[in-house]
mmCIF file of all heavy atoms, coordinates in Angstrom:
data_MODEL
# 
_entry.id   MODEL 
# 
loop_
_atom_site.group_PDB 
_atom_site.id 
_atom_site.type_symbol 
_atom_site.label_atom_id 
_atom_site.label_alt_id 
_atom_site.label_comp_id 
_atom_site.label_asym_id 
_atom_site.label_entity_id 
_atom_site.label_seq_id 
_atom_site.pdbx_PDB_ins_code 
_atom_site.Cartn_x 
_atom_site.Cartn_y 
_atom_site.Cartn_z 
_atom_site.occupancy 
_atom_site.B_iso_or_equiv 
_atom_site.pdbx_formal_charge 
_atom_site.auth_seq_id 
_atom_site.auth_comp_id 
_atom_site.auth_asym_id 
_atom_site.auth_atom_id 
_atom_site.pdbx_PDB_model_num 
ATOM 1   N N   . ALA A 1 1  ? 59.441 12.117 -67.487 1.00 0.00 ? 1  ALA A N   1 
ATOM 2   C CA  . ALA A 1 1  ? 58.177 12.553 -66.877 1.00 0.00 ? 1  ALA A CA  1 
ATOM 3   C C   . ALA A 1 1  ? 58.416 13.080 -65.460 1.00 0.00 ? 1  ALA A C   1 
ATOM 4   O O   . ALA A 1 1  ? 57.840 14.102 -65.052 1.00 0.00 ? 1  ALA A O   1 
ATOM 5   C CB  . ALA A 1 1  ? 57.186 11.398 -66.866 1.00 0.00 ? 1  ALA A CB  1 
ATOM 6   N N   . LYS A 1 2  ? 59.265 12.397 -64.717 1.00 0.00 ? 2  LYS A N   1 
ATOM 7   C CA  . LYS A 1 2  ? 59.543 12.793 -63.334 1.00 0.00 ? 2  LYS A CA  1 
ATOM 8   C C   . LYS A 1 2  ? 60.232 14.151 -63.270 1.00 0.00 ? 2  LYS A C   1 
ATOM 9   O O   . LYS A 1 2  ? 60.027 14.922 -62.312 1.00 0.00 ? 2  LYS A O   1 
ATOM 10  C CB  . LYS A 1 2  ? 60.411 11.721 -62.673 1.00 0.00 ? 2  LYS A CB  1 
ATOM 11  C CG  . LYS A 1 2  ? 60.696 11.952 -61.203 1.00 0.00 ? 2  LYS A CG  1 
ATOM 12  C CD  . LYS A 1 2  ? 61.519 10.798 -60.638 1.00 0.00 ? 2  LYS A CD  1 
ATOM 13  C CE  . LYS A 1 2  ? 61.823 11.011 -59.156 1.00 0.00 ? 2  LYS A CE  1 
ATOM 14  N NZ  . LYS A 1 2  ? 62.633 9.891  -58.603 1.00 0.00 ? 2  LYS A NZ  1 
ATOM 15  N N   . SER A 1 3  ? 61.022 14.463 -64.289 1.00 0.00 ? 3  SER A N   1 
ATOM 16  C CA  . SER A 1 3  ? 61.803 15.707 -64.267 1.00 0.00 ? 3  SER A CA  1 
ATOM 17  C C   . SER A 1 3  ? 60.956 16.950 -64.509 1.00 0.00 ? 3  SER A C   1 
ATOM 18  O O   . SER A 1 3  ? 61.393 18.061 -64.208 1.00 0.00 ? 3  SER A O   1 
ATOM 19  C CB  . SER A 1 3  ? 62.898 15.646 -65.342 1.00 0.00 ? 3  SER A CB  1 
ATOM 20  O OG  . SER A 1 3  ? 62.340 15.799 -66.643 1.00 0.00 ? 3  SER A OG  1 
ATOM 21  N N   . GLY A 1 4  ? 59.778 16.775 -65.099 1.00 0.00 ? 4  GLY A N   1 
ATOM 22  C CA  . GLY A 1 4  ? 58.954 17.920 -65.436 1.00 0.00 ? 4  GLY A CA  1 
ATOM 23  C C   . GLY A 1 4  ? 59.377 18.611 -66.713 1.00 0.00 ? 4  GLY A C   1 
ATOM 24  O O   . GLY A 1 4  ? 58.915 19.728 -67.012 1.00 0.00 ? 4  GLY A O   1 
ATOM 25  N N   . TYR A 1 5  ? 60.221 17.970 -67.484 1.00 0.00 ? 5  TYR A N   1 
ATOM 26  C CA  . TYR A 1 5  ? 60.694 18.527 -68.754 1.00 0.00 ? 5  TYR A CA  1 
ATOM 27  C C   . TYR A 1 5  ? 59.513 18.763 -69.689 1.00 0.00 ? 5  TYR A C   1 
ATOM 28  O O   . TYR A 1 5  ? 58.648 17.903 -69.849 1.00 0.00 ? 5  TYR A O   1 
ATOM 29  C CB  . TYR A 1 5  ? 61.701 17.561 -69.368 1.00 0.00 ? 5  TYR A CB  1 
ATOM 30  C CG  . TYR A 1 5  ? 62.133 17.869 -70.778 1.00 0.00 ? 5  TYR A CG  1 
ATOM 31  C CD1 . TYR A 1 5  ? 62.897 18.994 -71.075 1.00 0.00 ? 5  TYR A CD1 1 
ATOM 32  C CD2 . TYR A 1 5  ? 61.799 17.003 -71.826 1.00 0.00 ? 5  TYR A CD2 1 
ATOM 33  C CE1 . TYR A 1 5  ? 63.314 19.251 -72.368 1.00 0.00 ? 5  TYR A CE1 1 
ATOM 34  C CE2 . TYR A 1 5  ? 62.213 17.248 -73.125 1.00 0.00 ? 5  TYR A CE2 1 
ATOM 35  C CZ  . TYR A 1 5  ? 62.972 18.378 -73.392 1.00 0.00 ? 5  TYR A CZ  1 
ATOM 36  O OH  . TYR A 1 5  ? 63.381 18.631 -74.686 1.00 0.00 ? 5  TYR A OH  1 
ATOM 37  N N   . LYS A 1 6  ? 59.480 19.925 -70.337 1.00 0.00 ? 6  LYS A N   1 
ATOM 38  C CA  . LYS A 1 6  ? 58.336 20.338 -71.162 1.00 0.00 ? 6  LYS A CA  1 
ATOM 39  C C   . LYS A 1 6  ? 58.639 20.329 -72.661 1.00 0.00 ? 6  LYS A C   1 
ATOM 40  O O   . LYS A 1 6  ? 57.919 20.939 -73.436 1.00 0.00 ? 6  LYS A O   1 
ATOM 41  C CB  . LYS A 1 6  ? 57.893 21.750 -70.754 1.00 0.00 ? 6  LYS A CB  1 
ATOM 42  C CG  . LYS A 1 6  ? 57.537 21.899 -69.278 1.00 0.00 ? 6  LYS A CG  1 
ATOM 43  C CD  . LYS A 1 6  ? 56.370 20.993 -68.875 1.00 0.00 ? 6  LYS A CD  1 
ATOM 44  C CE  . LYS A 1 6  ? 55.993 21.230 -67.413 1.00 0.00 ? 6  LYS A CE  1 
ATOM 45  N NZ  . LYS A 1 6  ? 54.928 20.298 -66.966 1.00 0.00 ? 6  LYS A NZ  1 
ATOM 46  N N   . GLY A 1 7  ? 59.710 19.659 -73.051 1.00 0.00 ? 7  GLY A N   1 
ATOM 47  C CA  . GLY A 1 7  ? 60.018 19.571 -74.470 1.00 0.00 ? 7  GLY A CA  1 
ATOM 48  C C   . GLY A 1 7  ? 60.862 20.698 -75.014 1.00 0.00 ? 7  GLY A C   1 
ATOM 49  O O   . GLY A 1 7  ? 61.003 20.841 -76.236 1.00 0.00 ? 7  GLY A O   1 
ATOM 50  N N   . GLN A 1 8  ? 61.447 21.530 -74.123 1.00 0.00 ? 8  GLN A N   1 
ATOM 51  C CA  . GLN A 1 8  ? 62.292 22.626 -74.601 1.00 0.00 ? 8  GLN A CA  1 
ATOM 52  C C   . GLN A 1 8  ? 63.468 22.079 -75.420 1.00 0.00 ? 8  GLN A C   1 
ATOM 53  O O   . GLN A 1 8  ? 63.978 20.985 -75.157 1.00 0.00 ? 8  GLN A O   1 
ATOM 54  C CB  . GLN A 1 8  ? 62.857 23.428 -73.414 1.00 0.00 ? 8  GLN A CB  1 
ATOM 55  C CG  . GLN A 1 8  ? 61.822 23.974 -72.458 1.00 0.00 ? 8  GLN A CG  1 
ATOM 56  C CD  . GLN A 1 8  ? 61.632 23.082 -71.250 1.00 0.00 ? 8  GLN A CD  1 
ATOM 57  O OE1 . GLN A 1 8  ? 61.446 21.871 -71.379 1.00 0.00 ? 8  GLN A OE1 1 
ATOM 58  N NE2 . GLN A 1 8  ? 61.673 23.683 -70.058 1.00 0.00 ? 8  GLN A NE2 1 
ATOM 59  N N   . THR A 1 9  ? 63.888 22.855 -76.417 1.00 0.00 ? 9  THR A N   1 
ATOM 60  C CA  . THR A 1 9  ? 65.039 22.449 -77.224 1.00 0.00 ? 9  THR A CA  1 
ATOM 61  C C   . THR A 1 9  ? 66.325 22.606 -76.420 1.00 0.00 ? 9  THR A C   1 
ATOM 62  O O   . THR A 1 9  ? 66.599 23.677 -75.866 1.00 0.00 ? 9  THR A O   1 
ATOM 63  C CB  . THR A 1 9  ? 65.127 23.299 -78.503 1.00 0.00 ? 9  THR A CB  1 
ATOM 64  O OG1 . THR A 1 9  ? 63.949 23.082 -79.290 1.00 0.00 ? 9  THR A OG1 1 
ATOM 65  C CG2 . THR A 1 9  ? 66.353 22.928 -79.325 1.00 0.00 ? 9  THR A CG2 1 
ATOM 66  N N   . LEU A 1 10 ? 67.098 21.548 -76.345 1.00 0.00 ? 10 LEU A N   1 
ATOM 67  C CA  . LEU A 1 10 ? 68.396 21.568 -75.677 1.00 0.00 ? 10 LEU A CA  1 
ATOM 68  C C   . LEU A 1 10 ? 69.474 21.698 -76.750 1.00 0.00 ? 10 LEU A C   1 
ATOM 69  O O   . LEU A 1 10 ? 69.544 20.880 -77.671 1.00 0.00 ? 10 LEU A O   1 
ATOM 70  C CB  . LEU A 1 10 ? 68.601 20.284 -74.867 1.00 0.00 ? 10 LEU A CB  1 
ATOM 71  C CG  . LEU A 1 10 ? 67.521 19.955 -73.825 1.00 0.00 ? 10 LEU A CG  1 
ATOM 72  C CD1 . LEU A 1 10 ? 67.857 18.654 -73.101 1.00 0.00 ? 10 LEU A CD1 1 
ATOM 73  C CD2 . LEU A 1 10 ? 67.362 21.094 -72.826 1.00 0.00 ? 10 LEU A CD2 1 
ATOM 74  N N   . ILE A 1 11 ? 70.308 22.715 -76.626 1.00 0.00 ? 11 ILE A N   1 
ATOM 75  C CA  . ILE A 1 11 ? 71.333 23.007 -77.627 1.00 0.00 ? 11 ILE A CA  1 
ATOM 76  C C   . ILE A 1 11 ? 72.628 22.281 -77.263 1.00 0.00 ? 11 ILE A C   1 
ATOM 77  O O   . ILE A 1 11 ? 73.135 22.412 -76.149 1.00 0.00 ? 11 ILE A O   1 
ATOM 78  C CB  . ILE A 1 11 ? 71.599 24.521 -77.722 1.00 0.00 ? 11 ILE A CB  1 
ATOM 79  C CG1 . ILE A 1 11 ? 70.298 25.262 -78.062 1.00 0.00 ? 11 ILE A CG1 1 
ATOM 80  C CG2 . ILE A 1 11 ? 72.674 24.810 -78.762 1.00 0.00 ? 11 ILE A CG2 1 
ATOM 81  C CD1 . ILE A 1 11 ? 69.660 24.850 -79.366 1.00 0.00 ? 11 ILE A CD1 1 
ATOM 82  N N   . TRP A 1 12 ? 73.160 21.524 -78.231 1.00 0.00 ? 12 TRP A N   1 
ATOM 83  C CA  . TRP A 1 12 ? 74.403 20.769 -78.029 1.00 0.00 ? 12 TRP A CA  1 
ATOM 84  C C   . TRP A 1 12 ? 75.470 21.357 -78.943 1.00 0.00 ? 12 TRP A C   1 
ATOM 85  O O   . TRP A 1 12 ? 75.362 21.291 -80.165 1.00 0.00 ? 12 TRP A O   1 
ATOM 86  C CB  . TRP A 1 12 ? 74.151 19.308 -78.382 1.00 0.00 ? 12 TRP A CB  1 
ATOM 87  C CG  . TRP A 1 12 ? 75.286 18.361 -78.076 1.00 0.00 ? 12 TRP A CG  1 
ATOM 88  C CD1 . TRP A 1 12 ? 76.469 18.634 -77.477 1.00 0.00 ? 12 TRP A CD1 1 
ATOM 89  C CD2 . TRP A 1 12 ? 75.300 16.960 -78.372 1.00 0.00 ? 12 TRP A CD2 1 
ATOM 90  N NE1 . TRP A 1 12 ? 77.230 17.505 -77.364 1.00 0.00 ? 12 TRP A NE1 1 
ATOM 91  C CE2 . TRP A 1 12 ? 76.534 16.454 -77.896 1.00 0.00 ? 12 TRP A CE2 1 
ATOM 92  C CE3 . TRP A 1 12 ? 74.393 16.089 -78.981 1.00 0.00 ? 12 TRP A CE3 1 
ATOM 93  C CZ2 . TRP A 1 12 ? 76.883 15.105 -78.036 1.00 0.00 ? 12 TRP A CZ2 1 
ATOM 94  C CZ3 . TRP A 1 12 ? 74.739 14.753 -79.112 1.00 0.00 ? 12 TRP A CZ3 1 
ATOM 95  C CH2 . TRP A 1 12 ? 75.963 14.263 -78.638 1.00 0.00 ? 12 TRP A CH2 1 
ATOM 96  N N   . HIS A 1 13 ? 76.504 21.951 -78.354 1.00 0.00 ? 13 HIS A N   1 
ATOM 97  C CA  . HIS A 1 13 ? 77.592 22.542 -79.128 1.00 0.00 ? 13 HIS A CA  1 
ATOM 98  C C   . HIS A 1 13 ? 78.686 21.494 -79.361 1.00 0.00 ? 13 HIS A C   1 
ATOM 99  O O   . HIS A 1 13 ? 79.227 20.918 -78.410 1.00 0.00 ? 13 HIS A O   1 
ATOM 100 C CB  . HIS A 1 13 ? 78.175 23.751 -78.401 1.00 0.00 ? 13 HIS A CB  1 
ATOM 101 C CG  . HIS A 1 13 ? 77.378 24.999 -78.598 1.00 0.00 ? 13 HIS A CG  1 
ATOM 102 N ND1 . HIS A 1 13 ? 77.797 26.240 -78.164 1.00 0.00 ? 13 HIS A ND1 1 
ATOM 103 C CD2 . HIS A 1 13 ? 76.179 25.209 -79.204 1.00 0.00 ? 13 HIS A CD2 1 
ATOM 104 C CE1 . HIS A 1 13 ? 76.893 27.147 -78.484 1.00 0.00 ? 13 HIS A CE1 1 
ATOM 105 N NE2 . HIS A 1 13 ? 75.894 26.537 -79.114 1.00 0.00 ? 13 HIS A NE2 1 
ATOM 106 N N   . ILE A 1 14 ? 79.040 21.304 -80.640 1.00 0.00 ? 14 ILE A N   1 
ATOM 107 C CA  . ILE A 1 14 ? 80.024 20.302 -81.044 1.00 0.00 ? 14 ILE A CA  1 
ATOM 108 C C   . ILE A 1 14 ? 81.000 20.956 -82.020 1.00 0.00 ? 14 ILE A C   1 
ATOM 109 O O   . ILE A 1 14 ? 80.577 21.593 -82.990 1.00 0.00 ? 14 ILE A O   1 
ATOM 110 C CB  . ILE A 1 14 ? 79.344 19.099 -81.725 1.00 0.00 ? 14 ILE A CB  1 
ATOM 111 C CG1 . ILE A 1 14 ? 78.329 18.441 -80.775 1.00 0.00 ? 14 ILE A CG1 1 
ATOM 112 C CG2 . ILE A 1 14 ? 80.375 18.074 -82.199 1.00 0.00 ? 14 ILE A CG2 1 
ATOM 113 C CD1 . ILE A 1 14 ? 77.413 17.437 -81.455 1.00 0.00 ? 14 ILE A CD1 1 
ATOM 114 N N   . THR A 1 15 ? 82.290 20.810 -81.768 1.00 0.00 ? 15 THR A N   1 
ATOM 115 C CA  . THR A 1 15 ? 83.286 21.302 -82.713 1.00 0.00 ? 15 THR A CA  1 
ATOM 116 C C   . THR A 1 15 ? 83.345 20.336 -83.897 1.00 0.00 ? 15 THR A C   1 
ATOM 117 O O   . THR A 1 15 ? 83.698 19.171 -83.737 1.00 0.00 ? 15 THR A O   1 
ATOM 118 C CB  . THR A 1 15 ? 84.666 21.429 -82.052 1.00 0.00 ? 15 THR A CB  1 
ATOM 119 O OG1 . THR A 1 15 ? 84.556 22.260 -80.896 1.00 0.00 ? 15 THR A OG1 1 
ATOM 120 C CG2 . THR A 1 15 ? 85.677 22.036 -83.009 1.00 0.00 ? 15 THR A CG2 1 
ATOM 121 N N   . ARG A 1 16 ? 83.008 20.830 -85.049 1.00 0.00 ? 16 ARG A N   1 
ATOM 122 C CA  . ARG A 1 16 ? 82.817 20.001 -86.234 1.00 0.00 ? 16 ARG A CA  1 
ATOM 123 C C   . ARG A 1 16 ? 84.086 19.212 -86.608 1.00 0.00 ? 16 ARG A C   1 
ATOM 124 O O   . ARG A 1 16 ? 85.173 19.750 -86.696 1.00 0.00 ? 16 ARG A O   1 
ATOM 125 C CB  . ARG A 1 16 ? 82.422 20.900 -87.403 1.00 0.00 ? 16 ARG A CB  1 
ATOM 126 C CG  . ARG A 1 16 ? 81.985 20.174 -88.667 1.00 0.00 ? 16 ARG A CG  1 
ATOM 127 C CD  . ARG A 1 16 ? 81.926 21.109 -89.869 1.00 0.00 ? 16 ARG A CD  1 
ATOM 128 N NE  . ARG A 1 16 ? 81.355 22.409 -89.567 1.00 0.00 ? 16 ARG A NE  1 
ATOM 129 C CZ  . ARG A 1 16 ? 80.048 22.683 -89.573 1.00 0.00 ? 16 ARG A CZ  1 
ATOM 130 N NH1 . ARG A 1 16 ? 79.182 21.732 -89.857 1.00 0.00 ? 16 ARG A NH1 1 
ATOM 131 N NH2 . ARG A 1 16 ? 79.625 23.905 -89.293 1.00 0.00 ? 16 ARG A NH2 1 
ATOM 132 N N   . ASN A 1 17 ? 83.893 17.894 -86.822 1.00 0.00 ? 17 ASN A N   1 
ATOM 133 C CA  . ASN A 1 17 ? 84.937 17.017 -87.363 1.00 0.00 ? 17 ASN A CA  1 
ATOM 134 C C   . ASN A 1 17 ? 86.210 16.992 -86.527 1.00 0.00 ? 17 ASN A C   1 
ATOM 135 O O   . ASN A 1 17 ? 87.289 16.665 -87.052 1.00 0.00 ? 17 ASN A O   1 
ATOM 136 C CB  . ASN A 1 17 ? 85.300 17.431 -88.804 1.00 0.00 ? 17 ASN A CB  1 
ATOM 137 C CG  . ASN A 1 17 ? 84.159 17.224 -89.773 1.00 0.00 ? 17 ASN A CG  1 
ATOM 138 O OD1 . ASN A 1 17 ? 83.342 16.315 -89.605 1.00 0.00 ? 17 ASN A OD1 1 
ATOM 139 N ND2 . ASN A 1 17 ? 84.082 18.061 -90.797 1.00 0.00 ? 17 ASN A ND2 1 
ATOM 140 N N   . PHE A 1 18 ? 86.117 17.306 -85.240 1.00 0.00 ? 18 PHE A N   1 
ATOM 141 C CA  . PHE A 1 18 ? 87.340 17.331 -84.439 1.00 0.00 ? 18 PHE A CA  1 
ATOM 142 C C   . PHE A 1 18 ? 87.697 15.944 -83.919 1.00 0.00 ? 18 PHE A C   1 
ATOM 143 O O   . PHE A 1 18 ? 88.859 15.542 -83.939 1.00 0.00 ? 18 PHE A O   1 
ATOM 144 C CB  . PHE A 1 18 ? 87.202 18.321 -83.277 1.00 0.00 ? 18 PHE A CB  1 
ATOM 145 C CG  . PHE A 1 18 ? 88.503 18.531 -82.542 1.00 0.00 ? 18 PHE A CG  1 
ATOM 146 C CD1 . PHE A 1 18 ? 89.477 19.359 -83.077 1.00 0.00 ? 18 PHE A CD1 1 
ATOM 147 C CD2 . PHE A 1 18 ? 88.768 17.889 -81.346 1.00 0.00 ? 18 PHE A CD2 1 
ATOM 148 C CE1 . PHE A 1 18 ? 90.694 19.548 -82.424 1.00 0.00 ? 18 PHE A CE1 1 
ATOM 149 C CE2 . PHE A 1 18 ? 89.964 18.063 -80.689 1.00 0.00 ? 18 PHE A CE2 1 
ATOM 150 C CZ  . PHE A 1 18 ? 90.924 18.897 -81.222 1.00 0.00 ? 18 PHE A CZ  1 
ATOM 151 N N   . TRP A 1 19 ? 86.716 15.198 -83.423 1.00 0.00 ? 19 TRP A N   1 
ATOM 152 C CA  . TRP A 1 19 ? 86.954 13.854 -82.908 1.00 0.00 ? 19 TRP A CA  1 
ATOM 153 C C   . TRP A 1 19 ? 86.403 12.833 -83.904 1.00 0.00 ? 19 TRP A C   1 
ATOM 154 O O   . TRP A 1 19 ? 85.274 12.976 -84.384 1.00 0.00 ? 19 TRP A O   1 
ATOM 155 C CB  . TRP A 1 19 ? 86.266 13.642 -81.559 1.00 0.00 ? 19 TRP A CB  1 
ATOM 156 C CG  . TRP A 1 19 ? 86.737 14.568 -80.491 1.00 0.00 ? 19 TRP A CG  1 
ATOM 157 C CD1 . TRP A 1 19 ? 87.843 14.441 -79.706 1.00 0.00 ? 19 TRP A CD1 1 
ATOM 158 C CD2 . TRP A 1 19 ? 86.099 15.780 -80.060 1.00 0.00 ? 19 TRP A CD2 1 
ATOM 159 N NE1 . TRP A 1 19 ? 87.937 15.491 -78.824 1.00 0.00 ? 19 TRP A NE1 1 
ATOM 160 C CE2 . TRP A 1 19 ? 86.872 16.329 -79.018 1.00 0.00 ? 19 TRP A CE2 1 
ATOM 161 C CE3 . TRP A 1 19 ? 84.936 16.451 -80.455 1.00 0.00 ? 19 TRP A CE3 1 
ATOM 162 C CZ2 . TRP A 1 19 ? 86.532 17.514 -78.370 1.00 0.00 ? 19 TRP A CZ2 1 
ATOM 163 C CZ3 . TRP A 1 19 ? 84.600 17.625 -79.822 1.00 0.00 ? 19 TRP A CZ3 1 
ATOM 164 C CH2 . TRP A 1 19 ? 85.388 18.143 -78.786 1.00 0.00 ? 19 TRP A CH2 1 
ATOM 165 N N   . THR A 1 20 ? 87.163 11.825 -84.183 1.00 0.00 ? 20 THR A N   1 
ATOM 166 C CA  . THR A 1 20 ? 86.744 10.801 -85.135 1.00 0.00 ? 20 THR A CA  1 
ATOM 167 C C   . THR A 1 20 ? 85.377 10.230 -84.752 1.00 0.00 ? 20 THR A C   1 
ATOM 168 O O   . THR A 1 20 ? 85.189 9.744  -83.634 1.00 0.00 ? 20 THR A O   1 
ATOM 169 C CB  . THR A 1 20 ? 87.784 9.665  -85.188 1.00 0.00 ? 20 THR A CB  1 
ATOM 170 O OG1 . THR A 1 20 ? 89.035 10.209 -85.596 1.00 0.00 ? 20 THR A OG1 1 
ATOM 171 C CG2 . THR A 1 20 ? 87.359 8.578  -86.167 1.00 0.00 ? 20 THR A CG2 1 
ATOM 172 N N   . ASN A 1 21 ? 84.432 10.328 -85.669 1.00 0.00 ? 21 ASN A N   1 
ATOM 173 C CA  . ASN A 1 21 ? 83.087 9.745  -85.558 1.00 0.00 ? 21 ASN A CA  1 
ATOM 174 C C   . ASN A 1 21 ? 82.185 10.414 -84.510 1.00 0.00 ? 21 ASN A C   1 
ATOM 175 O O   . ASN A 1 21 ? 81.054 9.949  -84.299 1.00 0.00 ? 21 ASN A O   1 
ATOM 176 C CB  . ASN A 1 21 ? 83.147 8.235  -85.274 1.00 0.00 ? 21 ASN A CB  1 
ATOM 177 C CG  . ASN A 1 21 ? 83.647 7.443  -86.466 1.00 0.00 ? 21 ASN A CG  1 
ATOM 178 O OD1 . ASN A 1 21 ? 83.582 7.903  -87.595 1.00 0.00 ? 21 ASN A OD1 1 
ATOM 179 N ND2 . ASN A 1 21 ? 84.158 6.243  -86.217 1.00 0.00 ? 21 ASN A ND2 1 
ATOM 180 N N   . TYR A 1 22 ? 82.649 11.483 -83.868 1.00 0.00 ? 22 TYR A N   1 
ATOM 181 C CA  . TYR A 1 22 ? 81.791 12.129 -82.862 1.00 0.00 ? 22 TYR A CA  1 
ATOM 182 C C   . TYR A 1 22 ? 80.538 12.695 -83.520 1.00 0.00 ? 22 TYR A C   1 
ATOM 183 O O   . TYR A 1 22 ? 79.433 12.550 -82.988 1.00 0.00 ? 22 TYR A O   1 
ATOM 184 C CB  . TYR A 1 22 ? 82.566 13.237 -82.136 1.00 0.00 ? 22 TYR A CB  1 
ATOM 185 C CG  . TYR A 1 22 ? 81.925 13.685 -80.830 1.00 0.00 ? 22 TYR A CG  1 
ATOM 186 C CD1 . TYR A 1 22 ? 82.521 13.394 -79.609 1.00 0.00 ? 22 TYR A CD1 1 
ATOM 187 C CD2 . TYR A 1 22 ? 80.724 14.412 -80.804 1.00 0.00 ? 22 TYR A CD2 1 
ATOM 188 C CE1 . TYR A 1 22 ? 81.951 13.806 -78.404 1.00 0.00 ? 22 TYR A CE1 1 
ATOM 189 C CE2 . TYR A 1 22 ? 80.148 14.818 -79.618 1.00 0.00 ? 22 TYR A CE2 1 
ATOM 190 C CZ  . TYR A 1 22 ? 80.771 14.513 -78.417 1.00 0.00 ? 22 TYR A CZ  1 
ATOM 191 O OH  . TYR A 1 22 ? 80.183 14.914 -77.236 1.00 0.00 ? 22 TYR A OH  1 
ATOM 192 N N   . ASP A 1 23 ? 80.694 13.331 -84.677 1.00 0.00 ? 23 ASP A N   1 
ATOM 193 C CA  . ASP A 1 23 ? 79.543 13.951 -85.329 1.00 0.00 ? 23 ASP A CA  1 
ATOM 194 C C   . ASP A 1 23 ? 78.494 12.902 -85.701 1.00 0.00 ? 23 ASP A C   1 
ATOM 195 O O   . ASP A 1 23 ? 77.282 13.112 -85.519 1.00 0.00 ? 23 ASP A O   1 
ATOM 196 C CB  . ASP A 1 23 ? 79.986 14.713 -86.573 1.00 0.00 ? 23 ASP A CB  1 
ATOM 197 C CG  . ASP A 1 23 ? 80.946 15.857 -86.267 1.00 0.00 ? 23 ASP A CG  1 
ATOM 198 O OD1 . ASP A 1 23 ? 81.503 15.883 -85.149 1.00 0.00 ? 23 ASP A OD1 1 
ATOM 199 O OD2 . ASP A 1 23 ? 81.147 16.717 -87.135 1.00 0.00 ? 23 ASP A OD2 1 
ATOM 200 N N   . ALA A 1 24 ? 78.971 11.766 -86.198 1.00 0.00 ? 24 ALA A N   1 
ATOM 201 C CA  . ALA A 1 24 ? 78.040 10.693 -86.553 1.00 0.00 ? 24 ALA A CA  1 
ATOM 202 C C   . ALA A 1 24 ? 77.356 10.134 -85.316 1.00 0.00 ? 24 ALA A C   1 
ATOM 203 O O   . ALA A 1 24 ? 76.134 9.874  -85.317 1.00 0.00 ? 24 ALA A O   1 
ATOM 204 C CB  . ALA A 1 24 ? 78.783 9.579  -87.291 1.00 0.00 ? 24 ALA A CB  1 
# 
């Protein structure tokens, strides 16, 4: 609430299956 965030979608880029259990 303090940040003024309005619900915009934040995109998280992850290299698939590279680090054990990161995707999960």
